[in-house]
C-alpha atoms as a PDB file:
ATOM      1  CA  UNK A   1       0.000   0.000   0.000  1.00  0.00           C
ATOM      2  CA  UNK A   2       1.369   3.431  -0.952  1.00  0.00           C
ATOM      3  CA  UNK A   3       1.597   6.139   1.673  1.00  0.00           C
ATOM      4  CA  UNK A   4       1.019   9.053  -0.656  1.00  0.00           C
ATOM      5  CA  UNK A   5       0.293  10.129  -4.189  1.00  0.00           C
ATOM      6  CA  UNK A   6       1.778  12.904  -6.284  1.00  0.00           C
ATOM      7  CA  UNK A   7      -1.215  15.145  -5.500  1.00  0.00           C
ATOM      8  CA  UNK A   8      -2.406  14.103  -2.032  1.00  0.00           C
ATOM      9  CA  UNK A   9      -0.782  12.827   1.151  1.00  0.00           C
ATOM     10  CA  UNK A  10      -1.911  11.734   4.585  1.00  0.00           C
ATOM     11  CA  UNK A  11      -2.877  14.786   6.620  1.00  0.00           C
ATOM     12  CA  UNK A  12      -3.772  16.952   3.604  1.00  0.00           C
ATOM     13  CA  UNK A  13      -6.894  19.084   3.836  1.00  0.00           C
ATOM     14  CA  UNK A  14      -9.110  18.793   0.790  1.00  0.00           C
ATOM     15  CA  UNK A  15     -12.446  20.114  -0.435  1.00  0.00           C
ATOM     16  CA  UNK A  16     -15.188  17.926  -1.870  1.00  0.00           C
ATOM     17  CA  UNK A  17     -17.959  19.691  -3.772  1.00  0.00           C
ATOM     18  CA  UNK A  18     -20.663  17.815  -1.821  1.00  0.00           C
ATOM     19  CA  UNK A  19     -19.019  16.823   1.467  1.00  0.00           C
ATOM     20  CA  UNK A  20     -17.064  20.017   2.117  1.00  0.00           C
ATOM     21  CA  UNK A  21     -13.709  20.302   3.895  1.00  0.00           C
ATOM     22  CA  UNK A  22     -12.006  17.138   5.064  1.00  0.00           C
ATOM     23  CA  UNK A  23      -8.631  15.769   6.047  1.00  0.00           C
ATOM     24  CA  UNK A  24      -7.046  12.631   4.584  1.00  0.00           C
ATOM     25  CA  UNK A  25      -6.537  10.433   7.624  1.00  0.00           C
ATOM     26  CA  UNK A  26      -5.845   6.994   6.145  1.00  0.00           C
ATOM     27  CA  UNK A  27      -5.296   4.894   3.049  1.00  0.00           C
ATOM     28  CA  UNK A  28      -7.454   1.770   2.947  1.00  0.00           C
ATOM     29  CA  UNK A  29      -8.473  -0.924   0.519  1.00  0.00           C
ATOM     30  CA  UNK A  30     -12.167  -0.707  -0.360  1.00  0.00           C
ATOM     31  CA  UNK A  31     -14.364  -2.487  -2.889  1.00  0.00           C
ATOM     32  CA  UNK A  32     -15.328  -0.144  -5.742  1.00  0.00           C
ATOM     33  CA  UNK A  33     -17.634  -1.524  -8.400  1.00  0.00           C
ATOM     34  CA  UNK A  34     -16.735  -5.031  -7.228  1.00  0.00           C
ATOM     35  CA  UNK A  35     -12.959  -4.493  -7.433  1.00  0.00           C
ATOM     36  CA  UNK A  36     -10.602  -3.880  -4.508  1.00  0.00           C
ATOM     37  CA  UNK A  37      -9.049  -0.430  -4.801  1.00  0.00           C
ATOM     38  CA  UNK A  38      -6.669   1.630  -2.709  1.00  0.00           C
ATOM     39  CA  UNK A  39      -8.567   4.661  -1.409  1.00  0.00           C
ATOM     40  CA  UNK A  40      -7.956   7.770   0.618  1.00  0.00           C
ATOM     41  CA  UNK A  41     -10.171   7.897   3.692  1.00  0.00           C
ATOM     42  CA  UNK A  42     -11.225  11.485   4.327  1.00  0.00           C
ATOM     43  CA  UNK A  43     -12.625  12.624   7.663  1.00  0.00           C
ATOM     44  CA  UNK A  44     -15.104  15.487   7.506  1.00  0.00           C
ATOM     45  CA  UNK A  45     -17.135  17.284  10.140  1.00  0.00           C
ATOM     46  CA  UNK A  46     -20.034  14.893   9.457  1.00  0.00           C
ATOM     47  CA  UNK A  47     -18.290  11.569   8.857  1.00  0.00           C
ATOM     48  CA  UNK A  48     -15.987   9.921   6.314  1.00  0.00           C
ATOM     49  CA  UNK A  49     -15.830   9.337   2.597  1.00  0.00           C
ATOM     50  CA  UNK A  50     -13.339   7.514   0.401  1.00  0.00           C
ATOM     51  CA  UNK A  51     -11.948   8.163  -3.051  1.00  0.00           C
ATOM     52  CA  UNK A  52      -9.499   6.081  -5.092  1.00  0.00           C
ATOM     53  CA  UNK A  53      -5.823   7.014  -4.901  1.00  0.00           C
ATOM     54  CA  UNK A  54      -5.714   6.472  -8.661  1.00  0.00           C
ATOM     55  CA  UNK A  55      -8.524   8.954  -9.422  1.00  0.00           C
ATOM     56  CA  UNK A  56      -6.643  12.142  -8.566  1.00  0.00           C
ATOM     57  CA  UNK A  57      -8.198  14.295 -11.283  1.00  0.00           C
ATOM     58  CA  UNK A  58     -11.675  13.962  -9.811  1.00  0.00           C
ATOM     59  CA  UNK A  59     -13.317  17.350 -10.554  1.00  0.00           C
ATOM     60  CA  UNK A  60     -15.356  17.137  -7.348  1.00  0.00           C
ATOM     61  CA  UNK A  61     -12.224  17.095  -5.154  1.00  0.00           C
ATOM     62  CA  UNK A  62      -9.382  19.602  -4.865  1.00  0.00           C
ATOM     63  CA  UNK A  63      -6.766  20.661  -2.323  1.00  0.00           C
ATOM     64  CA  UNK A  64      -7.703  23.464   0.057  1.00  0.00           C
ATOM     65  CA  UNK A  65      -6.777  26.819  -1.480  1.00  0.00           C
ATOM     66  CA  UNK A  66      -3.152  27.916  -1.292  1.00  0.00           C
ATOM     67  CA  UNK A  67      -2.074  31.236   0.208  1.00  0.00           C
ATOM     68  CA  UNK A  68      -1.636  32.581  -3.338  1.00  0.00           C
ATOM     69  CA  UNK A  69      -5.237  31.668  -4.229  1.00  0.00           C
ATOM     70  CA  UNK A  70      -6.485  33.232  -0.998  1.00  0.00           C
ATOM     71  CA  UNK A  71      -4.687  36.484  -1.866  1.00  0.00           C
ATOM     72  CA  UNK A  72      -6.217  36.456  -5.360  1.00  0.00           C
ATOM     73  CA  UNK A  73      -9.645  35.714  -3.835  1.00  0.00           C
ATOM     74  CA  UNK A  74      -9.292  38.738  -1.540  1.00  0.00           C
ATOM     75  CA  UNK A  75      -8.365  40.967  -4.504  1.00  0.00           C
ATOM     76  CA  UNK A  76     -11.528  39.840  -6.280  1.00  0.00           C
ATOM     77  CA  UNK A  77     -13.739  40.433  -3.236  1.00  0.00           C
ATOM     78  CA  UNK A  78     -12.317  43.951  -2.848  1.00  0.00           C
ATOM     79  CA  UNK A  79     -12.632  44.894  -6.527  1.00  0.00           C
ATOM     80  CA  UNK A  80     -15.408  46.600  -8.446  1.00  0.00           C
ATOM     81  CA  UNK A  81     -18.199  44.312  -9.637  1.00  0.00           C
ATOM     82  CA  UNK A  82     -18.505  43.292 -13.257  1.00  0.00           C
ATOM     83  CA  UNK A  83     -21.580  43.947 -15.400  1.00  0.00           C
ATOM     84  CA  UNK A  84     -24.626  43.421 -13.198  1.00  0.00           C
ATOM     85  CA  UNK A  85     -27.135  44.159 -15.947  1.00  0.00           C
ATOM     86  CA  UNK A  86     -27.660  40.587 -17.093  1.00  0.00           C
ATOM     87  CA  UNK A  87     -31.028  38.871 -17.121  1.00  0.00           C
ATOM     88  CA  UNK A  88     -32.265  36.325 -14.588  1.00  0.00           C
ATOM     89  CA  UNK A  89     -31.635  33.376 -16.905  1.00  0.00           C
ATOM     90  CA  UNK A  90     -27.983  34.377 -17.326  1.00  0.00           C
ATOM     91  CA  UNK A  91     -27.657  34.782 -13.536  1.00  0.00           C
ATOM     92  CA  UNK A  92     -29.175  31.318 -13.038  1.00  0.00           C
ATOM     93  CA  UNK A  93     -26.790  29.755 -15.553  1.00  0.00           C
ATOM     94  CA  UNK A  94     -23.818  31.486 -13.941  1.00  0.00           C
ATOM     95  CA  UNK A  95     -24.902  30.428 -10.434  1.00  0.00           C
ATOM     96  CA  UNK A  96     -25.475  26.824 -11.529  1.00  0.00           C
ATOM     97  CA  UNK A  97     -22.094  26.687 -13.248  1.00  0.00           C
ATOM     98  CA  UNK A  98     -20.184  28.082 -10.263  1.00  0.00           C
ATOM     99  CA  UNK A  99     -22.015  25.874  -7.773  1.00  0.00           C
ATOM    100  CA  UNK A 100     -21.277  22.825  -9.910  1.00  0.00           C
ATOM    101  CA  UNK A 101     -17.747  23.492 -11.193  1.00  0.00           C
ATOM    102  CA  UNK A 102     -16.469  26.722  -9.672  1.00  0.00           C
ATOM    103  CA  UNK A 103     -13.179  27.130  -7.878  1.00  0.00           C
ATOM    104  CA  UNK A 104     -12.583  29.609  -5.074  1.00  0.00           C
ATOM    105  CA  UNK A 105     -11.884  32.417  -7.571  1.00  0.00           C
ATOM    106  CA  UNK A 106     -15.127  31.811  -9.478  1.00  0.00           C
ATOM    107  CA  UNK A 107     -16.984  31.652  -6.177  1.00  0.00           C
ATOM    108  CA  UNK A 108     -15.483  34.914  -4.910  1.00  0.00           C
ATOM    109  CA  UNK A 109     -16.365  36.701  -8.173  1.00  0.00           C
ATOM    110  CA  UNK A 110     -19.960  35.550  -8.011  1.00  0.00           C
ATOM    111  CA  UNK A 111     -20.254  36.414  -4.303  1.00  0.00           C
ATOM    112  CA  UNK A 112     -18.917  39.914  -4.969  1.00  0.00           C
ATOM    113  CA  UNK A 113     -21.352  40.505  -7.818  1.00  0.00           C
ATOM    114  CA  UNK A 114     -24.365  39.034  -5.993  1.00  0.00           C
ATOM    115  CA  UNK A 115     -23.559  41.034  -2.845  1.00  0.00           C
ATOM    116  CA  UNK A 116     -23.526  44.237  -4.886  1.00  0.00           C
ATOM    117  CA  UNK A 117     -26.693  43.205  -6.708  1.00  0.00           C
ATOM    118  CA  UNK A 118     -28.298  42.749  -3.300  1.00  0.00           C
ATOM    119  CA  UNK A 119     -27.767  46.420  -2.385  1.00  0.00           C
ATOM    120  CA  UNK A 120     -29.565  47.422  -5.593  1.00  0.00           C
ATOM    121  CA  UNK A 121     -32.618  45.500  -4.383  1.00  0.00           C
ATOM    122  CA  UNK A 122     -32.579  43.313  -7.504  1.00  0.00           C
ATOM    123  CA  UNK A 123     -31.649  40.021  -5.839  1.00  0.00           C
ATOM    124  CA  UNK A 124     -34.301  37.303  -6.162  1.00  0.00           C
ATOM    125  CA  UNK A 125     -34.752  34.363  -3.771  1.00  0.00           C
ATOM    126  CA  UNK A 126     -32.649  31.960  -5.838  1.00  0.00           C
ATOM    127  CA  UNK A 127     -29.799  34.443  -6.022  1.00  0.00           C
ATOM    128  CA  UNK A 128     -30.054  35.241  -2.308  1.00  0.00           C
ATOM    129  CA  UNK A 129     -29.906  31.551  -1.375  1.00  0.00           C
ATOM    130  CA  UNK A 130     -26.961  31.011  -3.724  1.00  0.00           C
ATOM    131  CA  UNK A 131     -25.176  33.980  -2.151  1.00  0.00           C
ATOM    132  CA  UNK A 132     -25.615  32.518   1.344  1.00  0.00           C
ATOM    133  CA  UNK A 133     -24.474  29.032   0.281  1.00  0.00           C
ATOM    134  CA  UNK A 134     -21.460  30.304  -1.646  1.00  0.00           C
ATOM    135  CA  UNK A 135     -20.414  32.596   1.208  1.00  0.00           C
ATOM    136  CA  UNK A 136     -20.527  29.633   3.588  1.00  0.00           C
ATOM    137  CA  UNK A 137     -18.490  27.506   1.164  1.00  0.00           C
ATOM    138  CA  UNK A 138     -15.875  30.217   0.593  1.00  0.00           C
ATOM    139  CA  UNK A 139     -15.516  31.058   4.285  1.00  0.00           C
ATOM    140  CA  UNK A 140     -15.038  27.396   5.221  1.00  0.00           C
ATOM    141  CA  UNK A 141     -12.320  26.866   2.628  1.00  0.00           C
ATOM    142  CA  UNK A 142     -10.608  30.143   3.490  1.00  0.00           C
ATOM    143  CA  UNK A 143     -10.645  29.288   7.209  1.00  0.00           C
ATOM    144  CA  UNK A 144      -9.350  25.764   6.554  1.00  0.00           C
ATOM    145  CA  UNK A 145      -6.561  27.061   4.334  1.00  0.00           C
ATOM    146  CA  UNK A 146      -5.178  29.343   7.053  1.00  0.00           C
ATOM    147  CA  UNK A 147      -6.107  27.138  10.021  1.00  0.00           C
ATOM    148  CA  UNK A 148      -8.598  29.387  11.809  1.00  0.00           C
ATOM    149  CA  UNK A 149     -12.279  29.332  12.746  1.00  0.00           C
ATOM    150  CA  UNK A 150     -14.749  30.772  10.243  1.00  0.00           C
ATOM    151  CA  UNK A 151     -15.969  33.401  12.712  1.00  0.00           C
ATOM    152  CA  UNK A 152     -12.485  34.886  12.974  1.00  0.00           C
ATOM    153  CA  UNK A 153     -12.369  35.782   9.254  1.00  0.00           C
ATOM    154  CA  UNK A 154     -16.003  36.800   8.767  1.00  0.00           C
ATOM    155  CA  UNK A 155     -15.341  40.490   9.718  1.00  0.00           C
ATOM    156  CA  UNK A 156     -12.508  40.737   7.152  1.00  0.00           C
ATOM    157  CA  UNK A 157     -14.728  39.122   4.535  1.00  0.00           C
ATOM    158  CA  UNK A 158     -17.480  41.672   5.193  1.00  0.00           C
ATOM    159  CA  UNK A 159     -14.964  44.539   5.036  1.00  0.00           C
ATOM    160  CA  UNK A 160     -13.725  43.362   1.635  1.00  0.00           C
ATOM    161  CA  UNK A 161     -17.281  43.183   0.289  1.00  0.00           C
ATOM    162  CA  UNK A 162     -17.943  46.705   1.588  1.00  0.00           C
ATOM    163  CA  UNK A 163     -15.011  47.915  -0.496  1.00  0.00           C
ATOM    164  CA  UNK A 164     -16.549  46.340  -3.602  1.00  0.00           C
ATOM    165  CA  UNK A 165     -19.929  47.869  -2.794  1.00  0.00           C
ATOM    166  CA  UNK A 166     -18.257  51.283  -2.382  1.00  0.00           C
ATOM    167  CA  UNK A 167     -16.817  51.013  -5.925  1.00  0.00           C
ATOM    168  CA  UNK A 168     -20.295  50.293  -7.203  1.00  0.00           C
ATOM    169  CA  UNK A 169     -21.957  53.109  -5.261  1.00  0.00           C
ATOM    170  CA  UNK A 170     -19.267  55.582  -6.304  1.00  0.00           C
ATOM    171  CA  UNK A 171     -19.741  54.560  -9.942  1.00  0.00           C
ATOM    172  CA  UNK A 172     -23.503  55.064  -9.693  1.00  0.00           C
ATOM    173  CA  UNK A 173     -23.051  58.517  -8.146  1.00  0.00           C
ATOM    174  CA  UNK A 174     -20.739  59.511 -11.008  1.00  0.00           C
ATOM    175  CA  UNK A 175     -23.331  58.339 -13.554  1.00  0.00           C
ATOM    176  CA  UNK A 176     -26.055  60.491 -11.942  1.00  0.00           C
ATOM    177  CA  UNK A 177     -23.959  63.691 -12.189  1.00  0.00           C
END
């Protein structure tokens, strides 16, 4: 039995799209589709899951964000929003895509734009729920990547979003002049 793989090792924190943040705590042999396979055992807040050590390009699983990605995420959260004048169908498609396949940078971009859309009063229920879910997902990964509790970074997160909202509000004031 191997002790590590090129991408993951015992003790690594990883993110699963459905199960959330977990830590690889063992390598075990498990039956998969009737065949014994070597699998990483991942402990999460709510239990365990396994994935094959040979299936390292699984799009549902990725390492917790690096410090570089966290810095890029913060830049996005602090920046001016992109075009908010898209229709509800485009918003739905964008939300679905990010929830399904988005990385932390895609998530931070969508959070920033939805948070600004919220202050315009144009956020519908689907968008509001997506904003809450994506914020929770981003905060958990951010906290796991730097080894702190979510509540300790929430104030910084809110400050960064306020900066983005200020860009938007300043832009709207300039348009009205």
